[in-house]
Amino acid sequence: MLKEIHEQPAIINTIPNNLSDKLIEEICEVIKKTQDIYFIGCGTAYHACLAGGYLFSKIAGRHVFTAPASEFNYLEDFLTKDSLIIPLSQSGETIDVIEPLNHAQKKGSKIITMTNAFASTIYRMGDHKLLLGAGPEKAVASTKAYIAKISVLTILAYALVNKLATGKKILRKAAKEIKRLLSKESINQIKNIASLLAKSDHIYIIGRGVSYATALEGALKIKEVSYIHTEGLSGGELKHGTIALISKGTPVIVIAPLDDTYDAIISNAIEIKSRGGLMIGISSENNPAFDIWIQVKETGSPLLTHIIPMQLLAYYLAVLKKLNPDTPRNLAKSVTVK
């Protein structure tokens, strides 16, 4: 897992070279001609789908419906030959993705596959195909395949509005910042935070906008490998129930990029802190609401950078608890049976 976390900057830098401009243009033409678009995936891939929905809306002005692939069978009644399904999958063999794709094919819907495995079942089902190019991912908890998915979705979102060069520039800036986040100094800070949280029973992570998807993915990483109950949620949902669980010392990670969500998420952080929560802020700027600050510089792509501290935190929490982060209990790398 740690090896694959450290491979992420190189993967981000190579993705623009792996996907030819011609292929991106072809994919964008298909998307532009379709109004009825669906992103589907499972687990980490679903979080990438959710992130993609925000990216397509904010950057390209396109609406995309997102759903867990395991639920898509129950939402397929309205699919037609004019629908476009974009499934995301690391292995390309996830049964919960293959099943709804079979149903979509019977309805004549178009499919653009995004996988990390050439010639896999899902790859072959695509009318158009995108390879992530992340290389073999061995750890059960996905890290570099998630980053590859976000990178490809970023490229597509910018290409849809004829700003492919801008998308590529943002990826390069993000890769540079991730290298810094993987430095010895940065990792030592994460180790210290892991020592502080190792005995916690619960951790909460909040974000808004694209950072909501990051909160969900960060929570998944921590609970997958450390077995600490971790819940990711939208900051705006706090007062609708979860704030009842906040007491003195409850650790809460706040994802606060300097975008249009900043003021609202800081307001949520202040609410939690006033109830005794231990606030760990991930942001480019420190804020009085934070008890602990993890600096992540602005790059134009918070989706790519803000997840890195939580991937590392998950890993070091597992190591501190003497758990194997590569093979967490009850989990398989690829879910191929119902």
Protein backbone atom coordinates (compact mmCIF):
# COMPACT_ATOMS: atom_id res chain seq x y z
CA MET A 1 0.00 0.00 0.00
CA LEU A 2 2.77 2.43 0.90
CA LYS A 3 4.63 1.66 -2.31
CA GLU A 4 1.50 2.36 -4.36
CA ILE A 5 0.83 5.62 -2.50
CA HIS A 6 4.34 6.78 -3.45
CA GLU A 7 3.79 5.85 -7.11
CA GLN A 8 0.94 8.33 -7.49
CA PRO A 9 2.84 11.44 -8.67
CA ALA A 10 4.42 9.48 -11.52
CA ILE A 11 1.04 8.04 -12.52
CA ILE A 12 -0.54 11.50 -12.66
CA ASN A 13 2.31 12.76 -14.84
CA THR A 14 2.06 9.86 -17.30
CA ILE A 15 -1.73 9.86 -17.80
CA PRO A 16 -1.77 12.73 -20.36
CA ASN A 17 0.79 10.74 -22.39
CA ASN A 18 -1.11 7.45 -22.06
CA LEU A 19 -4.32 8.99 -23.40
CA SER A 20 -3.82 10.42 -26.85
CA ASP A 21 -5.46 13.73 -27.71
CA LYS A 22 -7.28 11.91 -30.52
CA LEU A 23 -8.81 9.36 -28.12
CA ILE A 24 -9.85 12.10 -25.69
CA GLU A 25 -11.47 14.01 -28.57
CA GLU A 26 -13.38 10.90 -29.68
CA ILE A 27 -14.65 10.24 -26.14
CA CYS A 28 -15.67 13.89 -25.72
CA GLU A 29 -17.64 13.82 -28.97
CA VAL A 30 -19.66 10.86 -27.67
CA ILE A 31 -20.30 12.64 -24.36
CA LYS A 32 -21.26 15.92 -26.06
CA LYS A 33 -23.90 14.15 -28.15
CA THR A 34 -25.50 12.53 -25.08
CA GLN A 35 -27.68 14.12 -22.42
CA ASP A 36 -28.47 10.93 -20.49
CA ILE A 37 -25.11 10.09 -18.82
CA TYR A 38 -24.43 7.80 -15.83
CA PHE A 39 -21.25 7.15 -13.82
CA ILE A 40 -21.31 3.85 -11.92
CA GLY A 41 -18.76 2.08 -9.72
CA CYS A 42 -18.29 0.30 -6.39
CA GLY A 43 -16.47 1.41 -3.24
CA THR A 44 -13.50 3.61 -4.17
CA ALA A 45 -14.63 3.63 -7.81
CA TYR A 46 -18.03 4.98 -6.75
CA HIS A 47 -16.32 7.81 -4.88
CA ALA A 48 -14.43 8.60 -8.09
CA CYS A 49 -17.81 8.61 -9.88
CA LEU A 50 -19.19 11.08 -7.37
CA ALA A 51 -16.10 13.26 -7.80
CA GLY A 52 -16.54 13.04 -11.56
CA GLY A 53 -20.09 14.28 -11.25
CA TYR A 54 -18.86 17.42 -9.47
CA LEU A 55 -16.04 17.89 -12.01
CA PHE A 56 -18.35 17.58 -15.02
CA SER A 57 -20.81 20.02 -13.43
CA LYS A 58 -18.30 22.65 -12.28
CA ILE A 59 -15.86 22.54 -15.18
CA ALA A 60 -17.88 21.34 -18.16
CA GLY A 61 -21.39 22.42 -17.18
CA ARG A 62 -22.68 18.90 -17.78
CA HIS A 63 -25.07 16.95 -15.57
CA VAL A 64 -24.08 13.36 -14.83
CA PHE A 65 -26.12 10.95 -12.72
CA THR A 66 -23.97 8.92 -10.30
CA ALA A 67 -24.92 5.70 -8.52
CA PRO A 68 -23.28 2.74 -6.78
CA ALA A 69 -23.13 0.04 -9.44
CA SER A 70 -24.71 -2.45 -7.02
CA GLU A 71 -27.83 -0.24 -6.96
CA PHE A 72 -27.94 0.52 -10.68
CA ASN A 73 -29.96 -2.61 -11.49
CA TYR A 74 -32.84 -0.98 -9.62
CA LEU A 75 -32.49 2.27 -11.56
CA GLU A 76 -32.24 0.85 -15.07
CA ASP A 77 -35.89 1.10 -16.09
CA PHE A 78 -35.38 4.46 -17.76
CA LEU A 79 -32.31 3.43 -19.81
CA THR A 80 -32.67 3.73 -23.58
CA LYS A 81 -30.50 3.51 -26.68
CA ASP A 82 -29.74 7.20 -26.09
CA SER A 83 -28.26 6.58 -22.63
CA LEU A 84 -24.51 6.55 -21.98
CA ILE A 85 -23.04 4.49 -19.13
CA ILE A 86 -19.48 5.17 -17.93
CA PRO A 87 -18.43 2.41 -15.50
CA LEU A 88 -15.27 2.83 -13.43
CA SER A 89 -13.38 -0.24 -12.21
CA GLN A 90 -9.80 -1.00 -11.23
CA SER A 91 -9.93 -4.73 -11.98
CA GLY A 92 -12.49 -4.69 -14.78
CA GLU A 93 -14.01 -7.82 -13.25
CA THR A 94 -16.35 -6.43 -10.59
CA ILE A 95 -19.59 -8.43 -10.76
CA ASP A 96 -21.67 -5.55 -9.37
CA VAL A 97 -20.57 -3.49 -12.39
CA ILE A 98 -20.79 -6.24 -15.00
CA GLU A 99 -24.39 -7.13 -14.14
CA PRO A 100 -25.92 -3.68 -14.78
CA LEU A 101 -23.79 -3.31 -17.91
CA ASN A 102 -25.34 -6.51 -19.28
CA HIS A 103 -28.78 -5.00 -18.73
CA ALA A 104 -27.72 -1.70 -20.29
CA GLN A 105 -26.44 -3.50 -23.38
CA LYS A 106 -29.80 -5.23 -23.80
CA LYS A 107 -31.43 -1.79 -23.88
CA GLY A 108 -28.97 -0.60 -26.50
CA SER A 109 -27.26 1.94 -24.25
CA LYS A 110 -23.75 3.10 -25.16
CA ILE A 111 -20.85 2.26 -22.81
CA ILE A 112 -17.50 4.00 -22.27
CA THR A 113 -15.41 1.84 -19.95
CA MET A 114 -12.72 3.18 -17.62
CA THR A 115 -10.62 0.35 -16.22
CA ASN A 116 -7.07 -0.43 -15.15
CA ALA A 117 -6.98 -3.89 -16.76
CA PHE A 118 -6.62 -4.35 -20.50
CA ALA A 119 -8.89 -7.06 -21.97
CA SER A 120 -10.82 -7.46 -18.70
CA THR A 121 -14.54 -8.23 -18.89
CA ILE A 122 -15.64 -4.63 -18.33
CA TYR A 123 -12.98 -3.33 -20.74
CA ARG A 124 -14.33 -5.59 -23.48
CA MET A 125 -17.91 -4.47 -22.87
CA GLY A 126 -17.13 -0.89 -23.86
CA ASP A 127 -18.14 0.69 -27.15
CA HIS A 128 -15.28 3.05 -26.30
CA LYS A 129 -12.47 2.25 -23.87
CA LEU A 130 -10.22 4.23 -21.53
CA LEU A 131 -7.29 2.56 -19.78
CA LEU A 132 -6.19 4.12 -16.50
CA GLY A 133 -2.54 3.14 -16.87
CA ALA A 134 -1.89 2.94 -13.13
CA GLY A 135 0.00 -0.35 -13.39
CA PRO A 136 -0.70 -3.41 -11.23
CA GLU A 137 -2.32 -2.53 -7.90
CA LYS A 138 -1.69 -5.25 -5.32
CA ALA A 139 -2.92 -3.72 -2.05
CA VAL A 140 -6.60 -4.40 -1.39
CA ALA A 141 -7.22 -0.77 -0.43
CA SER A 142 -7.07 1.15 -3.69
CA THR A 143 -4.92 4.28 -3.81
CA LYS A 144 -3.17 4.80 -7.13
CA ALA A 145 -6.10 3.51 -9.21
CA TYR A 146 -8.32 6.10 -7.50
CA ILE A 147 -5.86 8.86 -8.33
CA ALA A 148 -5.72 7.62 -11.94
CA LYS A 149 -9.53 7.73 -12.21
CA ILE A 150 -9.66 11.29 -10.84
CA SER A 151 -6.89 12.32 -13.24
CA VAL A 152 -8.69 10.92 -16.28
CA LEU A 153 -12.00 12.47 -15.23
CA THR A 154 -10.24 15.83 -14.77
CA ILE A 155 -8.75 15.60 -18.27
CA LEU A 156 -12.15 14.74 -19.77
CA ALA A 157 -13.95 17.56 -17.94
CA TYR A 158 -11.52 20.18 -19.24
CA ALA A 159 -11.40 18.64 -22.73
CA LEU A 160 -15.21 18.94 -22.97
CA VAL A 161 -14.83 22.74 -22.88
CA ASN A 162 -11.74 22.80 -25.13
CA LYS A 163 -9.33 23.36 -22.24
CA LEU A 164 -7.32 20.16 -22.44
CA ALA A 165 -4.02 22.03 -21.98
CA THR A 166 -5.37 23.56 -18.75
CA GLY A 167 -6.33 20.12 -17.46
CA LYS A 168 -2.86 18.76 -18.18
CA LYS A 169 -1.24 21.73 -16.42
CA ILE A 170 -3.36 21.17 -13.32
CA LEU A 171 -2.32 17.50 -13.21
CA ARG A 172 1.35 18.48 -13.33
CA LYS A 173 0.90 20.96 -10.46
CA ALA A 174 -0.97 18.33 -8.42
CA ALA A 175 1.77 15.74 -8.99
CA LYS A 176 4.39 18.21 -7.73
CA GLU A 177 2.39 18.94 -4.57
CA ILE A 178 1.82 15.23 -3.90
CA LYS A 179 5.59 14.69 -4.08
CA ARG A 180 5.94 17.29 -1.32
CA LEU A 181 3.21 15.60 0.72
CA LEU A 182 5.17 12.36 0.46
CA SER A 183 8.36 13.95 1.82
CA LYS A 184 9.90 12.74 5.08
CA GLU A 185 8.81 15.88 6.96
CA SER A 186 5.20 15.56 5.83
CA ILE A 187 5.06 11.84 6.60
CA ASN A 188 6.46 12.43 10.10
CA GLN A 189 3.55 14.77 10.80
CA ILE A 190 1.08 12.11 9.62
CA LYS A 191 2.79 9.53 11.85
CA ASN A 192 2.36 11.84 14.84
CA ILE A 193 -1.33 12.32 14.05
CA ALA A 194 -1.73 8.54 13.66
CA SER A 195 -0.23 8.08 17.16
CA LEU A 196 -2.81 10.53 18.48
CA LEU A 197 -5.75 8.78 16.80
CA ALA A 198 -4.74 5.12 17.09
CA LYS A 199 -6.93 4.49 20.15
CA SER A 200 -9.96 6.35 18.80
CA ASP A 201 -13.20 4.44 18.42
CA HIS A 202 -14.62 6.87 15.86
CA ILE A 203 -13.28 9.39 13.34
CA TYR A 204 -15.35 11.76 11.22
CA ILE A 205 -14.34 13.48 8.00
CA ILE A 206 -16.28 16.37 6.50
CA GLY A 207 -16.10 18.19 3.18
CA ARG A 208 -18.32 20.06 0.76
CA GLY A 209 -18.53 20.04 -3.04
CA VAL A 210 -15.75 17.93 -4.55
CA SER A 211 -14.34 17.54 -1.05
CA TYR A 212 -17.43 15.56 -0.04
CA ALA A 213 -16.25 12.80 -2.38
CA THR A 214 -12.78 13.07 -0.80
CA ALA A 215 -14.31 12.77 2.68
CA LEU A 216 -16.06 9.54 1.69
CA GLU A 217 -12.91 8.09 0.14
CA GLY A 218 -10.71 9.13 3.09
CA ALA A 219 -13.14 7.48 5.50
CA LEU A 220 -13.16 4.30 3.43
CA LYS A 221 -9.36 4.10 3.42
CA ILE A 222 -9.10 4.51 7.20
CA LYS A 223 -11.78 1.98 8.10
CA GLU A 224 -10.60 -0.54 5.48
CA VAL A 225 -7.12 -0.97 6.90
CA SER A 226 -7.21 0.30 10.50
CA TYR A 227 -10.69 -1.02 11.43
CA ILE A 228 -11.49 2.28 13.15
CA HIS A 229 -15.07 3.29 12.48
CA THR A 230 -14.72 6.32 10.20
CA GLU A 231 -17.58 8.23 8.62
CA GLY A 232 -17.29 10.69 5.76
CA LEU A 233 -20.08 13.16 5.24
CA SER A 234 -21.04 16.51 3.78
CA GLY A 235 -20.45 19.34 6.22
CA GLY A 236 -23.98 20.52 5.58
CA GLU A 237 -25.39 17.24 6.86
CA LEU A 238 -23.82 17.58 10.32
CA LYS A 239 -26.81 19.32 11.89
CA HIS A 240 -29.14 16.73 10.40
CA GLY A 241 -28.04 14.03 12.82
CA THR A 242 -24.34 13.25 13.07
CA ILE A 243 -23.44 16.20 15.29
CA ALA A 244 -25.22 14.29 18.09
CA LEU A 245 -22.20 11.95 18.13
CA ILE A 246 -19.65 14.69 18.72
CA SER A 247 -18.26 14.86 22.26
CA LYS A 248 -15.05 16.08 23.85
CA GLY A 249 -12.02 14.76 22.00
CA THR A 250 -13.91 13.28 19.03
CA PRO A 251 -11.48 13.52 16.09
CA VAL A 252 -12.88 15.27 13.03
CA ILE A 253 -10.92 15.84 9.82
CA VAL A 254 -12.03 18.96 7.93
CA ILE A 255 -11.17 19.23 4.22
CA ALA A 256 -11.03 22.95 3.46
CA PRO A 257 -9.67 23.97 0.05
CA LEU A 258 -9.77 27.69 -0.76
CA ASP A 259 -12.76 27.42 -3.07
CA ASP A 260 -16.43 28.36 -2.87
CA THR A 261 -16.94 25.83 -0.06
CA TYR A 262 -14.35 27.30 2.32
CA ASP A 263 -16.51 29.61 4.45
CA ALA A 264 -19.25 27.01 4.86
CA ILE A 265 -16.93 24.16 5.86
CA ILE A 266 -15.04 26.41 8.33
CA SER A 267 -18.41 27.29 9.86
CA ASN A 268 -19.04 23.56 10.29
CA ALA A 269 -15.59 23.13 11.86
CA ILE A 270 -16.32 25.89 14.40
CA GLU A 271 -19.61 24.20 15.28
CA ILE A 272 -17.82 20.92 15.96
CA LYS A 273 -15.01 22.56 17.91
CA SER A 274 -17.53 24.35 20.15
CA ARG A 275 -18.81 20.90 21.12
CA GLY A 276 -15.35 19.62 22.03
CA GLY A 277 -14.33 17.97 18.78
CA LEU A 278 -10.62 17.64 17.96
CA MET A 279 -10.29 19.48 14.65
CA ILE A 280 -7.71 18.33 12.10
CA GLY A 281 -7.72 20.73 9.17
CA ILE A 282 -6.49 19.85 5.67
CA SER A 283 -6.08 23.18 3.89
CA SER A 284 -3.56 25.50 2.26
CA GLU A 285 -4.08 28.00 5.09
CA ASN A 286 -4.18 27.52 8.85
CA ASN A 287 -7.36 28.57 10.62
CA PRO A 288 -8.19 29.16 14.31
CA ALA A 289 -10.80 26.42 13.98
CA PHE A 290 -8.03 23.83 13.50
CA ASP A 291 -6.34 22.16 16.47
CA ILE A 292 -3.97 20.42 14.05
CA TRP A 293 -3.16 21.72 10.57
CA ILE A 294 -2.04 19.62 7.59
CA GLN A 295 -0.92 21.97 4.85
CA VAL A 296 -1.92 21.04 1.31
CA LYS A 297 -1.09 23.77 -1.19
CA GLU A 298 -3.59 24.93 -3.81
CA THR A 299 -3.10 23.34 -7.24
CA GLY A 300 -6.50 23.67 -8.88
CA SER A 301 -7.25 20.03 -8.12
CA PRO A 302 -8.11 19.41 -4.44
CA LEU A 303 -9.50 16.00 -5.42
CA LEU A 304 -6.00 14.79 -6.28
CA THR A 305 -4.10 16.34 -3.38
CA HIS A 306 -6.33 16.33 -0.29
CA ILE A 307 -6.80 12.55 -0.28
CA ILE A 308 -3.04 11.92 0.17
CA PRO A 309 -2.79 12.72 3.92
CA MET A 310 -5.73 10.39 4.58
CA GLN A 311 -4.21 7.56 2.55
CA LEU A 312 -1.04 7.92 4.62
CA LEU A 313 -3.00 8.23 7.86
CA ALA A 314 -4.85 5.00 7.08
CA TYR A 315 -1.57 3.19 6.42
CA TYR A 316 0.21 4.40 9.56
CA LEU A 317 -2.84 3.76 11.76
CA ALA A 318 -2.81 0.15 10.56
CA VAL A 319 0.91 -0.22 11.21
CA LEU A 320 0.58 1.25 14.72
CA LYS A 321 -2.18 -1.24 15.47
CA LYS A 322 0.01 -4.08 14.14
CA LEU A 323 -2.39 -4.80 11.27
CA ASN A 324 -1.44 -5.70 7.71
CA PRO A 325 -2.68 -2.80 5.55
CA ASP A 326 -2.22 -4.81 2.35
CA THR A 327 -4.67 -7.57 3.23
CA PRO A 328 -7.44 -6.26 5.50
CA ARG A 329 -9.80 -8.84 6.94
CA ASN A 330 -12.94 -9.91 5.06
CA LEU A 331 -11.97 -7.98 1.92
CA ALA A 332 -10.89 -9.09 -1.54
CA LYS A 333 -9.08 -7.05 -4.17
CA SER A 334 -11.75 -7.75 -6.76
CA VAL A 335 -15.34 -8.67 -5.94
CA THR A 336 -16.18 -11.17 -8.67
CA VAL A 337 -19.14 -13.02 -7.11
CA LYS A 338 -22.46 -11.85 -5.66
